[in-house]
């Protein structure tokens, strides 16, 4: 019996959701449609043995007591134990190159001290590698050990810090400033927005409310596009920063929250946009730049970089895979992107700003939804695929 290998590269929100949905719904539907003439196997490639709930990273960073590692880092091996070995396999390593002609991916073992590569072949390919932040504090790049080490360094340094500078006026920077100002009120905390205001995806009035809440916590917010141009030591503690106005600052802690870049270096260049994202030729179906290739999440060209562009895309993309492999009608409606103003930004455990589908939310609503625990209860559900239990 022929075997069709569906390989999913990346095991964060997009990759995990896709793998679970394929296994729970798409593959059973394909085997029924094709009369069991073909068997299907999902292989998930992950650079880490752990899933990191990056939504909670500002609070994980601020204190190990508020969100301990045991809740923020969850093992992948137990997430797929319900599936047999002939239906699913987990490959730990980082995709470093792709051979389009052979339909194969070279994977480097991220936990080995020696250069140790393996090859994974695919019939269909889902690219869900996400994006990497400039600092390991925010998400995983390679094994989970580098992020854990960076967090532990912060936990050791923060109680002694007198000066903290955070670069980046997006959600990560604003949330982190709020967390640190709440826990360490005696520290001098400066936030460089890098723009004319904070939280540029939200309306100016909400940006102003966020800045007011930070000011009330004694955080100094600086705009005018002032940016860090050089970190002289390359370290996050006890360093000197050169700024874009030709001044320098000595700080006890520097936190870079300035953005991300797509994890697409292993892919053929013509598959990518100028920004390095995977081209999604049809945004409604999430089909990629060539046949049998699909892209989802932060690495994909359609994505605005939010969780909605992952969760709302899993079913339509898996439906495209079903349609391409069965020749039958799609099992899901096309992807419809949420472009309405939607973002929740905690500022300490009791504050925050945000909007949902264009509706401005009061601080108490942001607190109930996100500020109280950064939604950490969703971490095990993400790993287990609970949210995709139903087709």
Protein backbone atom coordinates (compact mmCIF):
# COMPACT_ATOMS: atom_id res chain seq x y z
CA UNK A 1 0.00 0.00 0.00
CA UNK A 2 1.33 3.44 -0.93
CA UNK A 3 2.35 5.80 1.86
CA UNK A 4 1.89 9.56 1.52
CA UNK A 5 4.16 11.50 3.89
CA UNK A 6 2.83 14.82 5.11
CA UNK A 7 5.67 16.71 6.79
CA UNK A 8 4.97 19.66 9.07
CA UNK A 9 8.02 21.82 9.82
CA UNK A 10 7.68 23.75 13.06
CA UNK A 11 5.99 22.84 16.35
CA UNK A 12 4.69 26.04 17.86
CA UNK A 13 1.07 27.16 17.62
CA UNK A 14 0.75 26.72 13.85
CA UNK A 15 2.61 23.43 13.55
CA UNK A 16 0.96 21.78 16.53
CA UNK A 17 -2.53 22.81 15.47
CA UNK A 18 -1.93 21.61 11.93
CA UNK A 19 -0.47 18.24 12.98
CA UNK A 20 -3.34 17.50 15.35
CA UNK A 21 -5.99 18.53 12.84
CA UNK A 22 -4.47 16.41 10.10
CA UNK A 23 -4.32 13.38 12.38
CA UNK A 24 -7.76 13.82 13.92
CA UNK A 25 -9.75 14.82 10.85
CA UNK A 26 -7.98 15.17 7.50
CA UNK A 27 -6.30 11.76 7.32
CA UNK A 28 -9.40 9.76 8.34
CA UNK A 29 -11.39 11.69 5.71
CA UNK A 30 -8.70 11.02 3.07
CA UNK A 31 -8.59 7.30 3.78
CA UNK A 32 -12.35 7.13 3.52
CA UNK A 33 -12.42 9.14 0.29
CA UNK A 34 -9.62 7.13 -1.33
CA UNK A 35 -10.93 3.74 -0.26
CA UNK A 36 -7.88 2.99 1.90
CA UNK A 37 -5.71 2.66 -1.21
CA UNK A 38 -3.16 5.00 0.37
CA UNK A 39 -2.00 5.38 3.93
CA UNK A 40 -1.00 8.76 5.29
CA UNK A 41 1.62 9.63 7.88
CA UNK A 42 2.36 12.94 9.57
CA UNK A 43 5.94 13.78 10.51
CA UNK A 44 6.44 16.81 12.74
CA UNK A 45 9.89 18.44 12.71
CA UNK A 46 10.65 20.50 15.80
CA UNK A 47 13.97 22.09 16.82
CA UNK A 48 12.96 21.68 20.46
CA UNK A 49 11.65 18.85 22.61
CA UNK A 50 9.53 21.46 24.39
CA UNK A 51 6.70 23.79 23.46
CA UNK A 52 7.13 27.31 24.85
CA UNK A 53 3.97 29.32 25.50
CA UNK A 54 5.40 32.56 24.16
CA UNK A 55 2.21 34.53 24.83
CA UNK A 56 3.16 34.45 28.50
CA UNK A 57 6.82 35.37 27.98
CA UNK A 58 6.66 38.89 29.55
CA UNK A 59 5.46 37.39 32.83
CA UNK A 60 7.73 34.35 32.60
CA UNK A 61 10.62 36.79 32.11
CA UNK A 62 9.63 38.97 35.04
CA UNK A 63 9.50 36.31 37.74
CA UNK A 64 9.80 32.51 38.00
CA UNK A 65 7.18 32.60 40.76
CA UNK A 66 4.37 34.02 38.62
CA UNK A 67 4.60 31.56 35.71
CA UNK A 68 7.08 28.77 36.48
CA UNK A 69 8.91 26.91 33.73
CA UNK A 70 6.77 23.85 34.43
CA UNK A 71 3.75 25.73 33.05
CA UNK A 72 5.46 27.69 30.27
CA UNK A 73 7.51 24.80 28.82
CA UNK A 74 5.65 21.61 28.00
CA UNK A 75 7.09 18.39 26.49
CA UNK A 76 6.00 17.48 22.98
CA UNK A 77 6.49 13.73 23.34
CA UNK A 78 3.30 13.24 25.36
CA UNK A 79 1.15 15.37 23.06
CA UNK A 80 0.90 12.77 20.30
CA UNK A 81 0.94 9.50 22.25
CA UNK A 82 -2.61 8.69 21.12
CA UNK A 83 -1.36 8.19 17.54
CA UNK A 84 0.38 5.02 16.39
CA UNK A 85 3.94 5.01 15.03
CA UNK A 86 2.71 4.24 11.51
CA UNK A 87 0.51 7.36 11.66
CA UNK A 88 2.82 9.89 13.35
CA UNK A 89 6.50 10.53 14.07
CA UNK A 90 8.32 13.38 15.82
CA UNK A 91 11.75 14.42 14.54
CA UNK A 92 13.76 16.68 16.84
CA UNK A 93 16.01 19.04 14.91
CA UNK A 94 16.19 22.22 12.86
CA UNK A 95 15.46 22.24 9.12
CA UNK A 96 18.63 23.58 7.51
CA UNK A 97 18.08 22.92 3.80
CA UNK A 98 15.51 21.61 1.32
CA UNK A 99 16.03 19.68 -1.91
CA UNK A 100 13.03 20.50 -4.08
CA UNK A 101 13.78 17.86 -6.70
CA UNK A 102 14.15 15.03 -4.19
CA UNK A 103 11.42 16.44 -1.92
CA UNK A 104 13.66 16.10 1.09
CA UNK A 105 14.66 18.22 4.09
CA UNK A 106 18.00 18.10 5.87
CA UNK A 107 17.51 18.29 9.64
CA UNK A 108 20.28 19.19 12.10
CA UNK A 109 20.09 17.69 15.59
CA UNK A 110 19.76 20.70 17.90
CA UNK A 111 20.72 18.77 21.03
CA UNK A 112 23.91 17.15 19.71
CA UNK A 113 27.34 18.65 20.32
CA UNK A 114 28.53 17.28 16.97
CA UNK A 115 27.24 18.01 13.48
CA UNK A 116 24.55 15.37 13.19
CA UNK A 117 22.14 15.56 10.24
CA UNK A 118 19.26 13.42 9.06
CA UNK A 119 17.02 13.51 6.00
CA UNK A 120 13.22 13.63 6.01
CA UNK A 121 11.33 13.07 2.76
CA UNK A 122 7.92 14.55 2.08
CA UNK A 123 5.04 14.04 -0.33
CA UNK A 124 3.21 17.11 0.98
CA UNK A 125 4.88 19.87 2.99
CA UNK A 126 3.47 22.31 5.53
CA UNK A 127 5.80 25.18 6.46
CA UNK A 128 4.95 26.37 9.97
CA UNK A 129 8.35 27.50 11.20
CA UNK A 130 7.18 30.85 12.55
CA UNK A 131 9.47 33.80 13.17
CA UNK A 132 12.42 34.42 15.46
CA UNK A 133 12.76 37.41 17.76
CA UNK A 134 16.01 39.31 18.20
CA UNK A 135 16.22 37.98 21.77
CA UNK A 136 15.81 34.35 22.89
CA UNK A 137 13.54 35.60 25.69
CA UNK A 138 10.50 35.67 23.41
CA UNK A 139 10.48 32.39 21.52
CA UNK A 140 12.48 29.29 20.71
CA UNK A 141 15.23 29.21 18.13
CA UNK A 142 16.82 25.81 18.19
CA UNK A 143 16.53 23.88 21.44
CA UNK A 144 14.58 25.24 24.40
CA UNK A 145 17.78 25.42 26.44
CA UNK A 146 18.91 28.82 25.09
CA UNK A 147 15.60 30.44 26.00
CA UNK A 148 15.64 28.87 29.46
CA UNK A 149 19.20 30.11 29.99
CA UNK A 150 18.27 33.66 28.94
CA UNK A 151 15.26 33.64 31.28
CA UNK A 152 17.34 32.34 34.20
CA UNK A 153 19.87 35.12 33.61
CA UNK A 154 17.04 37.66 33.81
CA UNK A 155 15.67 36.12 36.98
CA UNK A 156 19.09 36.38 38.61
CA UNK A 157 19.78 39.94 37.43
CA UNK A 158 16.46 41.73 37.79
CA UNK A 159 16.31 41.94 41.61
CA UNK A 160 19.66 43.82 41.63
CA UNK A 161 19.00 46.05 38.60
CA UNK A 162 18.76 49.79 39.05
CA UNK A 163 18.46 50.74 35.36
CA UNK A 164 16.46 48.80 32.78
CA UNK A 165 16.04 49.79 29.14
CA UNK A 166 13.48 48.06 26.91
CA UNK A 167 13.59 48.63 23.15
CA UNK A 168 10.35 48.15 21.25
CA UNK A 169 6.93 49.72 21.66
CA UNK A 170 4.88 46.73 20.53
CA UNK A 171 2.99 44.36 22.83
CA UNK A 172 6.10 42.53 24.10
CA UNK A 173 7.85 45.76 25.11
CA UNK A 174 4.79 47.36 26.67
CA UNK A 175 3.79 44.21 28.53
CA UNK A 176 7.31 43.65 29.85
CA UNK A 177 7.61 47.25 31.02
CA UNK A 178 4.34 46.87 32.92
CA UNK A 179 5.40 43.60 34.52
CA UNK A 180 8.81 44.83 35.62
CA UNK A 181 7.51 48.16 36.92
CA UNK A 182 4.97 46.32 39.05
CA UNK A 183 7.46 43.86 40.54
CA UNK A 184 10.47 46.20 40.78
CA UNK A 185 9.03 49.68 41.47
CA UNK A 186 12.40 51.07 42.61
CA UNK A 187 14.13 50.32 39.29
CA UNK A 188 14.45 53.09 36.70
CA UNK A 189 12.71 51.66 33.62
CA UNK A 190 12.86 53.29 30.18
CA UNK A 191 10.88 52.10 27.16
CA UNK A 192 11.95 53.22 23.67
CA UNK A 193 8.95 52.90 21.37
CA UNK A 194 11.03 53.21 18.18
CA UNK A 195 8.10 55.10 16.65
CA UNK A 196 5.90 58.11 17.27
CA UNK A 197 3.69 56.16 19.70
CA UNK A 198 3.19 52.78 21.38
CA UNK A 199 1.17 49.87 19.97
CA UNK A 200 0.84 51.17 16.43
CA UNK A 201 -1.69 48.48 15.44
CA UNK A 202 -4.18 50.04 17.85
CA UNK A 203 -5.84 53.44 17.48
CA UNK A 204 -3.93 56.46 18.90
CA UNK A 205 -6.33 56.87 21.83
CA UNK A 206 -5.58 53.34 23.03
CA UNK A 207 -1.84 53.93 22.54
CA UNK A 208 -2.13 57.03 24.70
CA UNK A 209 -4.00 55.08 27.39
CA UNK A 210 -1.21 52.48 27.44
CA UNK A 211 1.42 55.19 27.85
CA UNK A 212 -0.58 56.79 30.66
CA UNK A 213 -0.78 53.48 32.52
CA UNK A 214 2.97 52.98 32.15
CA UNK A 215 3.64 56.53 33.34
CA UNK A 216 1.53 55.79 36.42
CA UNK A 217 3.92 52.90 37.09
CA UNK A 218 6.88 55.34 36.75
CA UNK A 219 8.01 53.97 33.39
CA UNK A 220 9.67 56.59 31.16
CA UNK A 221 8.46 56.28 27.56
CA UNK A 222 10.54 57.89 24.79
CA UNK A 223 9.39 58.27 21.19
CA UNK A 224 10.80 60.32 18.29
CA UNK A 225 12.06 57.12 16.66
CA UNK A 226 14.97 56.92 19.12
CA UNK A 227 16.49 53.47 18.73
CA UNK A 228 19.36 51.33 19.95
CA UNK A 229 21.91 51.08 17.15
CA UNK A 230 24.55 49.07 19.00
CA UNK A 231 24.78 46.93 22.09
CA UNK A 232 28.53 47.18 22.73
CA UNK A 233 28.86 43.92 24.67
CA UNK A 234 26.13 41.93 22.93
CA UNK A 235 24.88 40.95 26.38
CA UNK A 236 21.59 41.73 28.10
CA UNK A 237 23.18 42.67 31.44
CA UNK A 238 25.69 45.38 32.45
CA UNK A 239 26.14 46.81 28.98
CA UNK A 240 26.54 50.09 27.14
CA UNK A 241 24.03 51.03 24.43
CA UNK A 242 24.67 53.44 21.58
CA UNK A 243 21.51 55.23 20.50
CA UNK A 244 20.43 56.76 17.21
CA UNK A 245 20.85 60.31 18.57
CA UNK A 246 24.61 59.67 19.04
CA UNK A 247 24.29 59.31 22.80
CA UNK A 248 25.18 56.30 24.95
CA UNK A 249 23.60 54.73 28.00
CA UNK A 250 25.02 52.36 30.56
CA UNK A 251 22.28 50.03 31.78
CA UNK A 252 22.07 47.11 34.16
CA UNK A 253 19.59 45.30 31.92
CA UNK A 254 18.78 45.68 28.23
CA UNK A 255 15.75 43.90 26.78
CA UNK A 256 15.36 43.83 23.00
CA UNK A 257 11.69 43.57 22.02
CA UNK A 258 12.00 45.13 18.57
CA UNK A 259 10.49 42.53 16.27
CA UNK A 260 10.92 39.23 14.45
CA UNK A 261 12.18 37.72 11.20
CA UNK A 262 10.68 34.69 9.44
CA UNK A 263 12.37 31.31 9.85
CA UNK A 264 12.72 30.58 6.14
CA UNK A 265 16.47 30.41 5.49
CA UNK A 266 16.30 26.71 4.58
CA UNK A 267 13.85 27.27 1.72
CA UNK A 268 14.49 28.05 -1.97
CA UNK A 269 14.71 31.81 -2.42
CA UNK A 270 12.07 31.93 -5.14
CA UNK A 271 9.53 30.54 -2.65
CA UNK A 272 9.93 33.70 -0.58
CA UNK A 273 8.77 37.30 -0.66
CA UNK A 274 11.24 40.18 -0.36
CA UNK A 275 10.69 40.14 3.40
CA UNK A 276 11.59 36.44 3.60
CA UNK A 277 8.06 35.15 4.15
CA UNK A 278 6.75 32.13 2.27
CA UNK A 279 4.61 33.14 -0.67
CA UNK A 280 1.01 32.06 -0.27
CA UNK A 281 -0.30 32.20 -3.83
CA UNK A 282 -3.90 31.89 -2.69
CA UNK A 283 -4.63 33.48 0.68
CA UNK A 284 -8.03 31.82 0.83
CA UNK A 285 -6.61 28.29 0.69
CA UNK A 286 -3.07 28.78 2.14
CA UNK A 287 -1.46 26.97 -0.78
CA UNK A 288 2.21 27.83 -1.12
CA UNK A 289 4.52 28.76 -3.98
CA UNK A 290 4.61 25.27 -5.58
CA UNK A 291 2.37 22.22 -5.75
CA UNK A 292 1.97 20.19 -2.53
CA UNK A 293 3.47 22.97 -0.40
CA UNK A 294 1.44 24.98 2.13
CA UNK A 295 2.32 27.73 4.60
CA UNK A 296 0.70 28.84 7.83
CA UNK A 297 1.42 31.24 10.67
CA UNK A 298 4.09 33.91 11.11
CA UNK A 299 6.38 32.52 8.39
CA UNK A 300 3.66 32.85 5.74
CA UNK A 301 3.18 35.87 3.53
CA UNK A 302 -0.53 36.25 4.33
CA UNK A 303 -0.02 36.53 8.10
CA UNK A 304 -0.33 39.72 10.12
CA UNK A 305 1.55 38.03 12.94
CA UNK A 306 -1.34 37.36 15.31
CA UNK A 307 -2.86 34.22 16.80
CA UNK A 308 -6.04 34.61 14.72
CA UNK A 309 -4.01 34.16 11.55
CA UNK A 310 -2.99 30.77 12.91
CA UNK A 311 -6.13 29.42 14.53
CA UNK A 312 -8.44 30.62 11.76
CA UNK A 313 -6.17 29.17 9.07
CA UNK A 314 -5.70 25.58 10.30
CA UNK A 315 -9.01 24.23 9.02
CA UNK A 316 -8.92 25.95 5.60
CA UNK A 317 -5.33 24.85 4.97
CA UNK A 318 -5.99 21.25 5.98
CA UNK A 319 -9.07 21.39 3.76
CA UNK A 320 -6.81 22.37 0.85
CA UNK A 321 -4.61 19.36 1.57
CA UNK A 322 -7.68 17.12 1.60
CA UNK A 323 -8.94 18.58 -1.68
CA UNK A 324 -5.54 18.23 -3.39
CA UNK A 325 -5.11 14.61 -2.31
CA UNK A 326 -8.67 13.40 -2.79
CA UNK A 327 -9.87 15.46 -5.75
CA UNK A 328 -13.08 16.13 -3.85
CA UNK A 329 -14.73 19.27 -2.54
CA UNK A 330 -13.12 21.18 0.34
CA UNK A 331 -14.17 20.24 3.86
CA UNK A 332 -13.96 23.80 5.18
CA UNK A 333 -14.81 27.34 4.17
CA UNK A 334 -11.94 29.40 2.71
CA UNK A 335 -9.72 31.33 5.08
CA UNK A 336 -11.15 34.69 6.08
CA UNK A 337 -8.67 37.03 7.69
CA UNK A 338 -9.66 39.12 10.66
CA UNK A 339 -8.43 42.62 9.82
CA UNK A 340 -10.44 44.42 12.50
CA UNK A 341 -8.55 46.13 15.29
CA UNK A 342 -7.80 43.28 17.71
CA UNK A 343 -5.06 43.21 20.33
CA UNK A 344 -4.97 42.67 24.09
CA UNK A 345 -2.02 44.16 25.97
CA UNK A 346 -1.70 43.63 29.74
CA UNK A 347 0.10 46.35 31.69
CA UNK A 348 0.79 44.69 35.01
CA UNK A 349 -1.61 42.16 36.56
CA UNK A 350 -4.44 44.65 37.05
CA UNK A 351 -4.23 46.88 33.98
CA UNK A 352 -4.03 46.84 30.25
CA UNK A 353 -5.50 48.13 27.03
CA UNK A 354 -6.95 46.55 23.94
CA UNK A 355 -9.63 46.09 21.37
CA UNK A 356 -11.47 43.09 19.95
CA UNK A 357 -12.97 43.19 16.46
CA UNK A 358 -12.84 46.98 16.54
CA UNK A 359 -14.40 47.38 19.98
CA UNK A 360 -12.27 49.12 22.59
CA UNK A 361 -12.05 47.13 25.84
CA UNK A 362 -11.85 48.62 29.32
CA UNK A 363 -8.91 47.67 31.54
CA UNK A 364 -10.99 45.30 33.69
CA UNK A 365 -11.95 43.30 30.60
CA UNK A 366 -8.32 43.02 29.50
CA UNK A 367 -7.49 41.88 33.05
CA UNK A 368 -10.13 39.14 33.01
CA UNK A 369 -9.12 37.85 29.58
CA UNK A 370 -5.34 38.12 29.68
CA UNK A 371 -3.69 40.26 32.38
CA UNK A 372 -4.49 37.99 35.32
CA UNK A 373 -2.47 35.01 34.07
CA UNK A 374 -1.42 35.70 30.44
CA UNK A 375 -3.75 32.88 29.36
CA UNK A 376 -1.30 30.24 30.59
CA UNK A 377 -4.16 27.77 30.93
CA UNK A 378 -4.22 27.57 27.13
CA UNK A 379 -0.71 26.07 26.98
CA UNK A 380 -1.66 22.41 27.64
CA UNK A 381 -4.66 22.75 25.34
CA UNK A 382 -2.41 23.97 22.55
CA UNK A 383 -0.01 21.06 22.98
CA UNK A 384 -2.78 18.47 23.14
CA UNK A 385 -4.68 19.90 20.17
CA UNK A 386 -7.83 20.22 22.26
CA UNK A 387 -9.04 23.28 20.39
CA UNK A 388 -9.12 21.25 17.16
CA UNK A 389 -10.95 18.25 18.63
CA UNK A 390 -13.90 19.09 16.40
CA UNK A 391 -13.66 19.35 12.64
